[in-house]
Amino acid sequence: METFDAIVLGIIQGLTEFLPVSSSGHLELGKAILGDNSIPEESLLFTVVLHFATALSTLAVFRKDVLEILQGLFQFKWNEETQFSLKIIISMLPAVLIGLFFEEQLEAFFNGNIQFVGLMLLVTAVLLYFADKAENTSKKVNFGSALIIGISQAIAMLPGISRSGATISTSVLLGIDKTKAARFSFLMVVPLIFGKIGKDVLSGNLAFESNQAVAMGAGFIAAFLAGLVACTWMIKLVKKSKLSYFAIYCLIVGLIAIGYSFLA
C-alpha cells in the first residue's frame, strides 16, 4: 500500500468512524477505488490500525468523562460510574461473542464485495431515517437497553452497517436522550478495539513487513486527526437532530456502490 493511499484511507476512517455512514463500508469502497489488492488478512490489519487511531481520538475527546469513570470505579461503590462501566461491559458481549466464534466468517466480508457494502449502506439509511423521526427524551441507558445496543453494535461489524449509526439509532428508537446515546455509542467501542488489538498481538495477526511501517504510520496519524474533528462535530450534529441528512447520504452512496459493482 502506498503512503498516499494510506493517508486517504486514514482520513476516510477518521471521518466516517464517528459520522453514521459506516467507516468499514467506506474503507472497502476506498480500497476498491484505489485498487488495493491486499489479501484479506493484510486489509483487516490496516483496518484495525485505523480503528486504533480513532479509539485514541475518542479518548482524547471524552478524556474528562473517562477520568470521571475511572475515579468512580476506584471508589469501589455501586455508584453511577460503576453502573455505567457495567453497562459498557454488557454492550460489549454480543460483539465479543461474534469476534470469538465467527472471526473467519466476518473477515470474509472484507474482501471488496462492493455490492454487499452498498446493500448494507441502504440498511443504515433506513435506520437513520426512522431514528430521526423519533422524539427526544431525557431517558438514560439502562442495563436492558445496553444489551440491545450491544446487539446492534455486533451487527454493525459487517461492512456497510454504520456502527455509530446503528447504535445511536437503536438508542434513540429505545427512547434514550440523543446526546446520551452519542456518548454511550462512542465510549462503548473503545474497550472492544483495544481488546481486539491485544488479541491480534498475542496471536501474531498484526505481523507485517517493514516496508509497510511508513504507510501504516501515515494512515494512523491521518485517522487520529480526522477522528478528533469528526467526533467533536458529530456530538453537535446529534444534538441538533440531523440524522436524516446522513440517511440521504448513505442512500446515495449505497446506490452508487451497487451500481459500481455491476460496472466493475
C-alpha atoms as a PDB file:
ATOM      1  CA  MET A   1       0.000   0.000   0.000  1.00  0.00           C
ATOM      2  CA  GLU A   2       1.305   3.450  -0.955  1.00  0.00           C
ATOM      3  CA  THR A   3       1.662   6.158   1.699  1.00  0.00           C
ATOM      4  CA  PHE A   4      -0.730   8.498  -0.137  1.00  0.00           C
ATOM      5  CA  ASP A   5      -3.386   5.784  -0.293  1.00  0.00           C
ATOM      6  CA  ALA A   6      -2.903   5.095   3.427  1.00  0.00           C
ATOM      7  CA  ILE A   7      -3.417   8.783   4.266  1.00  0.00           C
ATOM      8  CA  VAL A   8      -6.569   8.948   2.152  1.00  0.00           C
ATOM      9  CA  LEU A   9      -7.960   5.823   3.812  1.00  0.00           C
ATOM     10  CA  GLY A  10      -6.934   7.173   7.233  1.00  0.00           C
ATOM     11  CA  ILE A  11      -8.897  10.374   6.651  1.00  0.00           C
ATOM     12  CA  ILE A  12     -11.882   8.348   5.440  1.00  0.00           C
ATOM     13  CA  GLN A  13     -11.698   6.187   8.583  1.00  0.00           C
ATOM     14  CA  GLY A  14     -11.315   9.151  10.937  1.00  0.00           C
ATOM     15  CA  LEU A  15     -14.297  10.973   9.454  1.00  0.00           C
ATOM     16  CA  THR A  16     -16.624   8.018   8.986  1.00  0.00           C
ATOM     17  CA  GLU A  17     -15.910   6.289  12.318  1.00  0.00           C
ATOM     18  CA  PHE A  18     -17.979   8.926  14.116  1.00  0.00           C
ATOM     19  CA  LEU A  19     -20.323  10.066  11.370  1.00  0.00           C
ATOM     20  CA  PRO A  20     -23.112   7.486  10.914  1.00  0.00           C
ATOM     21  CA  VAL A  21     -22.100   6.436   7.396  1.00  0.00           C
ATOM     22  CA  SER A  22     -20.092   3.210   8.052  1.00  0.00           C
ATOM     23  CA  SER A  23     -16.329   3.589   8.297  1.00  0.00           C
ATOM     24  CA  SER A  24     -15.746  -0.062   7.356  1.00  0.00           C
ATOM     25  CA  GLY A  25     -18.002   0.280   4.334  1.00  0.00           C
ATOM     26  CA  HIS A  26     -16.202   3.410   3.154  1.00  0.00           C
ATOM     27  CA  LEU A  27     -12.831   1.745   3.683  1.00  0.00           C
ATOM     28  CA  GLU A  28     -13.905  -1.154   1.475  1.00  0.00           C
ATOM     29  CA  LEU A  29     -15.148   1.294  -1.160  1.00  0.00           C
ATOM     30  CA  GLY A  30     -11.927   3.296  -0.885  1.00  0.00           C
ATOM     31  CA  LYS A  31      -9.785   0.208  -1.290  1.00  0.00           C
ATOM     32  CA  ALA A  32     -11.733  -0.830  -4.370  1.00  0.00           C
ATOM     33  CA  ILE A  33     -11.448   2.622  -5.968  1.00  0.00           C
ATOM     34  CA  LEU A  34      -7.730   2.939  -5.132  1.00  0.00           C
ATOM     35  CA  GLY A  35      -7.093  -0.556  -6.433  1.00  0.00           C
ATOM     36  CA  ASP A  36      -5.900  -2.044  -3.157  1.00  0.00           C
ATOM     37  CA  ASN A  37      -5.143  -5.698  -3.886  1.00  0.00           C
ATOM     38  CA  SER A  38      -4.170  -6.662  -0.347  1.00  0.00           C
ATOM     39  CA  ILE A  39      -5.153 -10.134   0.779  1.00  0.00           C
ATOM     40  CA  PRO A  40      -7.956 -10.127   3.390  1.00  0.00           C
ATOM     41  CA  GLU A  41      -5.530 -10.549   6.338  1.00  0.00           C
ATOM     42  CA  GLU A  42      -3.425  -7.529   5.341  1.00  0.00           C
ATOM     43  CA  SER A  43      -6.535  -5.492   4.599  1.00  0.00           C
ATOM     44  CA  LEU A  44      -8.001  -6.314   8.002  1.00  0.00           C
ATOM     45  CA  LEU A  45      -4.699  -5.419   9.682  1.00  0.00           C
ATOM     46  CA  PHE A  46      -4.774  -1.928   8.213  1.00  0.00           C
ATOM     47  CA  THR A  47      -8.425  -1.569   9.235  1.00  0.00           C
ATOM     48  CA  VAL A  48      -7.513  -2.490  12.834  1.00  0.00           C
ATOM     49  CA  VAL A  49      -4.676   0.057  12.879  1.00  0.00           C
ATOM     50  CA  LEU A  50      -7.020   2.817  11.739  1.00  0.00           C
ATOM     51  CA  HIS A  51      -9.661   1.821  14.289  1.00  0.00           C
ATOM     52  CA  PHE A  52      -6.997   2.013  16.993  1.00  0.00           C
ATOM     53  CA  ALA A  53      -6.238   5.585  15.921  1.00  0.00           C
ATOM     54  CA  THR A  54      -9.887   6.608  16.154  1.00  0.00           C
ATOM     55  CA  ALA A  55     -10.183   4.888  19.538  1.00  0.00           C
ATOM     56  CA  LEU A  56      -7.411   7.160  20.793  1.00  0.00           C
ATOM     57  CA  SER A  57      -9.179  10.198  19.344  1.00  0.00           C
ATOM     58  CA  THR A  58     -12.315   9.113  21.234  1.00  0.00           C
ATOM     59  CA  LEU A  59     -10.357   9.023  24.478  1.00  0.00           C
ATOM     60  CA  ALA A  60      -8.953  12.467  23.706  1.00  0.00           C
ATOM     61  CA  VAL A  61     -12.404  13.993  23.141  1.00  0.00           C
ATOM     62  CA  PHE A  62     -14.027  12.239  26.133  1.00  0.00           C
ATOM     63  CA  ARG A  63     -10.973  12.446  28.395  1.00  0.00           C
ATOM     64  CA  LYS A  64     -12.941  14.154  31.185  1.00  0.00           C
ATOM     65  CA  ASP A  65     -15.691  11.523  31.042  1.00  0.00           C
ATOM     66  CA  VAL A  66     -13.151   8.689  31.047  1.00  0.00           C
ATOM     67  CA  LEU A  67     -11.315  10.216  34.001  1.00  0.00           C
ATOM     68  CA  GLU A  68     -14.561  10.572  35.972  1.00  0.00           C
ATOM     69  CA  ILE A  69     -15.475   6.949  35.230  1.00  0.00           C
ATOM     70  CA  LEU A  70     -12.072   5.708  36.378  1.00  0.00           C
ATOM     71  CA  GLN A  71     -12.205   7.807  39.548  1.00  0.00           C
ATOM     72  CA  GLY A  72     -15.675   6.467  40.313  1.00  0.00           C
ATOM     73  CA  LEU A  73     -14.564   2.872  39.786  1.00  0.00           C
ATOM     74  CA  PHE A  74     -11.703   3.211  42.243  1.00  0.00           C
ATOM     75  CA  GLN A  75     -14.176   4.250  44.931  1.00  0.00           C
ATOM     76  CA  PHE A  76     -15.405   0.622  44.862  1.00  0.00           C
ATOM     77  CA  LYS A  77     -19.016   1.662  45.352  1.00  0.00           C
ATOM     78  CA  TRP A  78     -22.256   0.975  43.474  1.00  0.00           C
ATOM     79  CA  ASN A  79     -22.239   4.499  42.081  1.00  0.00           C
ATOM     80  CA  GLU A  80     -23.187   5.951  38.692  1.00  0.00           C
ATOM     81  CA  GLU A  81     -19.697   5.420  37.281  1.00  0.00           C
ATOM     82  CA  THR A  82     -19.664   1.744  38.281  1.00  0.00           C
ATOM     83  CA  GLN A  83     -23.101   1.207  36.751  1.00  0.00           C
ATOM     84  CA  PHE A  84     -22.063   2.960  33.538  1.00  0.00           C
ATOM     85  CA  SER A  85     -18.968   0.752  33.276  1.00  0.00           C
ATOM     86  CA  LEU A  86     -21.095  -2.365  33.779  1.00  0.00           C
ATOM     87  CA  LYS A  87     -23.440  -1.192  31.015  1.00  0.00           C
ATOM     88  CA  ILE A  88     -20.410  -0.785  28.722  1.00  0.00           C
ATOM     89  CA  ILE A  89     -19.332  -4.354  29.539  1.00  0.00           C
ATOM     90  CA  ILE A  90     -22.840  -5.684  28.823  1.00  0.00           C
ATOM     91  CA  SER A  91     -22.911  -3.834  25.491  1.00  0.00           C
ATOM     92  CA  MET A  92     -19.609  -5.460  24.521  1.00  0.00           C
ATOM     93  CA  LEU A  93     -20.759  -9.063  24.996  1.00  0.00           C
ATOM     94  CA  PRO A  94     -22.531  -9.600  21.625  1.00  0.00           C
ATOM     95  CA  ALA A  95     -19.581  -8.246  19.611  1.00  0.00           C
ATOM     96  CA  VAL A  96     -17.104 -10.252  21.702  1.00  0.00           C
ATOM     97  CA  LEU A  97     -19.029 -13.468  21.028  1.00  0.00           C
ATOM     98  CA  ILE A  98     -19.151 -12.724  17.295  1.00  0.00           C
ATOM     99  CA  GLY A  99     -15.438 -11.947  17.285  1.00  0.00           C
ATOM    100  CA  LEU A 100     -14.532 -15.137  19.136  1.00  0.00           C
ATOM    101  CA  PHE A 101     -16.701 -17.637  17.283  1.00  0.00           C
ATOM    102  CA  PHE A 102     -17.234 -16.120  13.842  1.00  0.00           C
ATOM    103  CA  GLU A 103     -13.966 -14.260  13.153  1.00  0.00           C
ATOM    104  CA  GLU A 104     -13.137 -16.123   9.932  1.00  0.00           C
ATOM    105  CA  GLN A 105     -16.643 -15.679   8.565  1.00  0.00           C
ATOM    106  CA  LEU A 106     -16.505 -11.972   9.431  1.00  0.00           C
ATOM    107  CA  GLU A 107     -13.157 -11.467   7.708  1.00  0.00           C
ATOM    108  CA  ALA A 108     -14.616 -12.911   4.512  1.00  0.00           C
ATOM    109  CA  PHE A 109     -16.848  -9.843   4.175  1.00  0.00           C
ATOM    110  CA  PHE A 110     -13.761  -7.599   3.999  1.00  0.00           C
ATOM    111  CA  ASN A 111     -12.747  -8.700   0.520  1.00  0.00           C
ATOM    112  CA  GLY A 112     -14.022  -5.918  -1.692  1.00  0.00           C
ATOM    113  CA  ASN A 113     -17.639  -7.087  -2.033  1.00  0.00           C
ATOM    114  CA  ILE A 114     -18.921  -3.675  -3.095  1.00  0.00           C
ATOM    115  CA  GLN A 115     -22.464  -4.860  -3.796  1.00  0.00           C
ATOM    116  CA  PHE A 116     -22.839  -6.171  -0.239  1.00  0.00           C
ATOM    117  CA  VAL A 117     -21.437  -2.913   1.171  1.00  0.00           C
ATOM    118  CA  GLY A 118     -23.962  -0.951  -0.886  1.00  0.00           C
ATOM    119  CA  LEU A 119     -26.865  -3.029   0.393  1.00  0.00           C
ATOM    120  CA  MET A 120     -25.746  -2.586   3.993  1.00  0.00           C
ATOM    121  CA  LEU A 121     -25.476   1.181   3.463  1.00  0.00           C
ATOM    122  CA  LEU A 122     -29.132   1.127   2.418  1.00  0.00           C
ATOM    123  CA  VAL A 123     -29.941  -0.636   5.708  1.00  0.00           C
ATOM    124  CA  THR A 124     -28.035   2.098   7.549  1.00  0.00           C
ATOM    125  CA  ALA A 125     -30.039   4.731   5.685  1.00  0.00           C
ATOM    126  CA  VAL A 126     -33.321   3.158   6.825  1.00  0.00           C
ATOM    127  CA  LEU A 127     -32.150   3.030  10.461  1.00  0.00           C
ATOM    128  CA  LEU A 128     -31.109   6.676  10.427  1.00  0.00           C
ATOM    129  CA  TYR A 129     -34.373   7.760   8.792  1.00  0.00           C
ATOM    130  CA  PHE A 130     -36.556   6.174  11.468  1.00  0.00           C
ATOM    131  CA  ALA A 131     -34.267   7.340  14.275  1.00  0.00           C
ATOM    132  CA  ASP A 132     -34.515  10.910  13.018  1.00  0.00           C
ATOM    133  CA  LYS A 133     -38.298  10.723  13.356  1.00  0.00           C
ATOM    134  CA  ALA A 134     -38.119   9.644  16.999  1.00  0.00           C
ATOM    135  CA  GLU A 135     -38.865  12.220  19.678  1.00  0.00           C
ATOM    136  CA  ASN A 136     -36.045  13.186  22.011  1.00  0.00           C
ATOM    137  CA  THR A 137     -36.326  12.402  25.728  1.00  0.00           C
ATOM    138  CA  SER A 138     -34.207  12.632  28.859  1.00  0.00           C
ATOM    139  CA  LYS A 139     -34.058   8.843  29.334  1.00  0.00           C
ATOM    140  CA  LYS A 140     -30.694   7.266  30.190  1.00  0.00           C
ATOM    141  CA  VAL A 141     -29.205   3.986  29.020  1.00  0.00           C
ATOM    142  CA  ASN A 142     -30.280   1.143  31.333  1.00  0.00           C
ATOM    143  CA  PHE A 143     -28.945  -2.406  31.540  1.00  0.00           C
ATOM    144  CA  GLY A 144     -31.551  -3.848  29.190  1.00  0.00           C
ATOM    145  CA  SER A 145     -31.060  -1.192  26.545  1.00  0.00           C
ATOM    146  CA  ALA A 146     -27.283  -1.608  26.844  1.00  0.00           C
ATOM    147  CA  LEU A 147     -27.642  -5.230  25.719  1.00  0.00           C
ATOM    148  CA  ILE A 148     -29.894  -4.296  22.791  1.00  0.00           C
ATOM    149  CA  ILE A 149     -27.490  -1.551  21.723  1.00  0.00           C
ATOM    150  CA  GLY A 150     -24.685  -4.095  22.012  1.00  0.00           C
ATOM    151  CA  ILE A 151     -26.505  -6.415  19.600  1.00  0.00           C
ATOM    152  CA  SER A 152     -26.729  -3.526  17.133  1.00  0.00           C
ATOM    153  CA  GLN A 153     -23.008  -2.970  17.530  1.00  0.00           C
ATOM    154  CA  ALA A 154     -22.335  -6.647  16.775  1.00  0.00           C
ATOM    155  CA  ILE A 155     -24.426  -6.482  13.597  1.00  0.00           C
ATOM    156  CA  ALA A 156     -22.550  -3.319  12.621  1.00  0.00           C
ATOM    157  CA  MET A 157     -19.324  -5.332  12.397  1.00  0.00           C
ATOM    158  CA  LEU A 158     -20.462  -6.006   8.829  1.00  0.00           C
ATOM    159  CA  PRO A 159     -19.001  -3.516   6.316  1.00  0.00           C
ATOM    160  CA  GLY A 160     -21.659  -1.023   5.283  1.00  0.00           C
ATOM    161  CA  ILE A 161     -23.597  -1.040   8.556  1.00  0.00           C
ATOM    162  CA  SER A 162     -22.568   2.086  10.427  1.00  0.00           C
ATOM    163  CA  ARG A 163     -21.552   1.232  13.989  1.00  0.00           C
ATOM    164  CA  SER A 164     -22.312   4.691  15.335  1.00  0.00           C
ATOM    165  CA  GLY A 165     -25.401   4.934  13.148  1.00  0.00           C
ATOM    166  CA  ALA A 166     -26.737   1.561  14.310  1.00  0.00           C
ATOM    167  CA  THR A 167     -26.020   2.114  17.999  1.00  0.00           C
ATOM    168  CA  ILE A 168     -27.212   5.719  18.116  1.00  0.00           C
ATOM    169  CA  SER A 169     -30.326   4.884  16.072  1.00  0.00           C
ATOM    170  CA  THR A 170     -31.128   1.909  18.317  1.00  0.00           C
ATOM    171  CA  SER A 171     -30.662   4.062  21.407  1.00  0.00           C
ATOM    172  CA  VAL A 172     -32.900   6.821  20.088  1.00  0.00           C
ATOM    173  CA  LEU A 173     -35.587   4.353  19.000  1.00  0.00           C
ATOM    174  CA  LEU A 174     -35.484   2.979  22.564  1.00  0.00           C
ATOM    175  CA  GLY A 175     -36.298   6.485  23.761  1.00  0.00           C
ATOM    176  CA  ILE A 176     -32.845   7.425  25.040  1.00  0.00           C
ATOM    177  CA  ASP A 177     -31.703  11.049  25.001  1.00  0.00           C
ATOM    178  CA  LYS A 178     -29.732  11.689  21.784  1.00  0.00           C
ATOM    179  CA  THR A 179     -26.747  13.281  23.497  1.00  0.00           C
ATOM    180  CA  LYS A 180     -26.517  10.421  25.999  1.00  0.00           C
ATOM    181  CA  ALA A 181     -26.921   7.977  23.099  1.00  0.00           C
ATOM    182  CA  ALA A 182     -23.974   9.501  21.232  1.00  0.00           C
ATOM    183  CA  ARG A 183     -21.780   9.499  24.337  1.00  0.00           C
ATOM    184  CA  PHE A 184     -22.551   5.847  25.069  1.00  0.00           C
ATOM    185  CA  SER A 185     -22.068   4.876  21.426  1.00  0.00           C
ATOM    186  CA  PHE A 186     -18.606   6.414  21.199  1.00  0.00           C
ATOM    187  CA  LEU A 187     -17.370   5.114  24.556  1.00  0.00           C
ATOM    188  CA  MET A 188     -18.729   1.553  24.240  1.00  0.00           C
ATOM    189  CA  VAL A 189     -16.479   0.692  21.292  1.00  0.00           C
ATOM    190  CA  VAL A 190     -13.164   1.756  22.851  1.00  0.00           C
ATOM    191  CA  PRO A 191     -12.660  -1.360  25.053  1.00  0.00           C
ATOM    192  CA  LEU A 192     -13.566  -3.580  22.091  1.00  0.00           C
ATOM    193  CA  ILE A 193     -10.935  -2.010  19.858  1.00  0.00           C
ATOM    194  CA  PHE A 194      -8.203  -2.297  22.472  1.00  0.00           C
ATOM    195  CA  GLY A 195      -9.270  -5.869  23.204  1.00  0.00           C
ATOM    196  CA  LYS A 196      -9.201  -6.758  19.503  1.00  0.00           C
ATOM    197  CA  ILE A 197      -5.715  -5.309  19.077  1.00  0.00           C
ATOM    198  CA  GLY A 198      -4.468  -7.115  22.188  1.00  0.00           C
ATOM    199  CA  LYS A 199      -5.886 -10.386  20.872  1.00  0.00           C
ATOM    200  CA  ASP A 200      -4.242  -9.901  17.476  1.00  0.00           C
ATOM    201  CA  VAL A 201      -0.887  -9.002  19.022  1.00  0.00           C
ATOM    202  CA  LEU A 202      -0.910 -12.185  21.095  1.00  0.00           C
ATOM    203  CA  SER A 203      -1.995 -14.305  18.132  1.00  0.00           C
ATOM    204  CA  GLY A 204       0.503 -12.732  15.743  1.00  0.00           C
ATOM    205  CA  ASN A 205      -2.152 -11.451  13.349  1.00  0.00           C
ATOM    206  CA  LEU A 206      -0.619  -7.968  13.320  1.00  0.00           C
ATOM    207  CA  ALA A 207       2.704  -9.060  11.847  1.00  0.00           C
ATOM    208  CA  PHE A 208       3.605  -7.029   8.769  1.00  0.00           C
ATOM    209  CA  GLU A 209       6.604  -6.314   6.562  1.00  0.00           C
ATOM    210  CA  SER A 210       8.882  -3.378   7.442  1.00  0.00           C
ATOM    211  CA  ASN A 211       8.090  -1.562   4.203  1.00  0.00           C
ATOM    212  CA  GLN A 212       4.502  -1.205   5.433  1.00  0.00           C
ATOM    213  CA  ALA A 213       5.532   0.787   8.511  1.00  0.00           C
ATOM    214  CA  VAL A 214       5.584   4.245   6.892  1.00  0.00           C
ATOM    215  CA  ALA A 215       2.209   3.790   5.211  1.00  0.00           C
ATOM    216  CA  MET A 216       0.666   2.363   8.389  1.00  0.00           C
ATOM    217  CA  GLY A 217       2.028   5.270  10.443  1.00  0.00           C
ATOM    218  CA  ALA A 218       0.783   7.863   7.986  1.00  0.00           C
ATOM    219  CA  GLY A 219      -2.667   6.284   7.922  1.00  0.00           C
ATOM    220  CA  PHE A 220      -2.722   6.139  11.728  1.00  0.00           C
ATOM    221  CA  ILE A 221      -1.907   9.856  12.123  1.00  0.00           C
ATOM    222  CA  ALA A 222      -4.424  10.853   9.444  1.00  0.00           C
ATOM    223  CA  ALA A 223      -7.168   8.787  11.104  1.00  0.00           C
ATOM    224  CA  PHE A 224      -6.395  10.203  14.559  1.00  0.00           C
ATOM    225  CA  LEU A 225      -6.529  13.855  13.462  1.00  0.00           C
ATOM    226  CA  ALA A 226      -9.623  13.366  11.296  1.00  0.00           C
ATOM    227  CA  GLY A 227     -11.244  11.480  14.175  1.00  0.00           C
ATOM    228  CA  LEU A 228     -10.757  14.397  16.560  1.00  0.00           C
ATOM    229  CA  VAL A 229     -12.577  16.711  14.176  1.00  0.00           C
ATOM    230  CA  ALA A 230     -15.367  14.274  13.309  1.00  0.00           C
ATOM    231  CA  CYS A 231     -16.085  13.211  16.890  1.00  0.00           C
ATOM    232  CA  THR A 232     -16.489  16.801  18.077  1.00  0.00           C
ATOM    233  CA  TRP A 233     -18.620  17.638  15.046  1.00  0.00           C
ATOM    234  CA  MET A 234     -20.856  14.597  15.414  1.00  0.00           C
ATOM    235  CA  ILE A 235     -21.742  15.428  19.015  1.00  0.00           C
ATOM    236  CA  LYS A 236     -23.039  18.808  17.847  1.00  0.00           C
ATOM    237  CA  LEU A 237     -24.965  17.262  14.938  1.00  0.00           C
ATOM    238  CA  VAL A 238     -26.694  14.675  17.136  1.00  0.00           C
ATOM    239  CA  LYS A 239     -27.878  17.425  19.486  1.00  0.00           C
ATOM    240  CA  LYS A 240     -29.450  19.218  16.507  1.00  0.00           C
ATOM    241  CA  SER A 241     -31.190  16.028  15.263  1.00  0.00           C
ATOM    242  CA  LYS A 242     -29.691  15.986  11.773  1.00  0.00           C
ATOM    243  CA  LEU A 243     -29.606  12.217  11.197  1.00  0.00           C
ATOM    244  CA  SER A 244     -31.847  12.455   8.138  1.00  0.00           C
ATOM    245  CA  TYR A 245     -29.043  14.104   6.171  1.00  0.00           C
ATOM    246  CA  PHE A 246     -26.836  11.089   6.806  1.00  0.00           C
ATOM    247  CA  ALA A 247     -29.698   8.793   5.811  1.00  0.00           C
ATOM    248  CA  ILE A 248     -29.851  10.508   2.424  1.00  0.00           C
ATOM    249  CA  TYR A 249     -26.069  10.316   2.074  1.00  0.00           C
ATOM    250  CA  CYS A 250     -25.999   6.577   2.862  1.00  0.00           C
ATOM    251  CA  LEU A 251     -28.845   6.005   0.415  1.00  0.00           C
ATOM    252  CA  ILE A 252     -26.987   7.773  -2.380  1.00  0.00           C
ATOM    253  CA  VAL A 253     -23.608   6.139  -1.681  1.00  0.00           C
ATOM    254  CA  GLY A 254     -25.252   2.740  -1.294  1.00  0.00           C
ATOM    255  CA  LEU A 255     -26.974   3.017  -4.672  1.00  0.00           C
ATOM    256  CA  ILE A 256     -23.744   4.221  -6.297  1.00  0.00           C
ATOM    257  CA  ALA A 257     -21.824   1.306  -4.761  1.00  0.00           C
ATOM    258  CA  ILE A 258     -24.378  -1.193  -6.062  1.00  0.00           C
ATOM    259  CA  GLY A 259     -24.226   0.377  -9.498  1.00  0.00           C
ATOM    260  CA  TYR A 260     -20.411   0.390  -9.430  1.00  0.00           C
ATOM    261  CA  SER A 261     -20.373  -3.308  -8.528  1.00  0.00           C
ATOM    262  CA  PHE A 262     -22.190  -4.117 -11.773  1.00  0.00           C
ATOM    263  CA  LEU A 263     -19.833  -1.964 -13.866  1.00  0.00           C
ATOM    264  CA  ALA A 264     -16.527  -3.014 -12.266  1.00  0.00           C
END
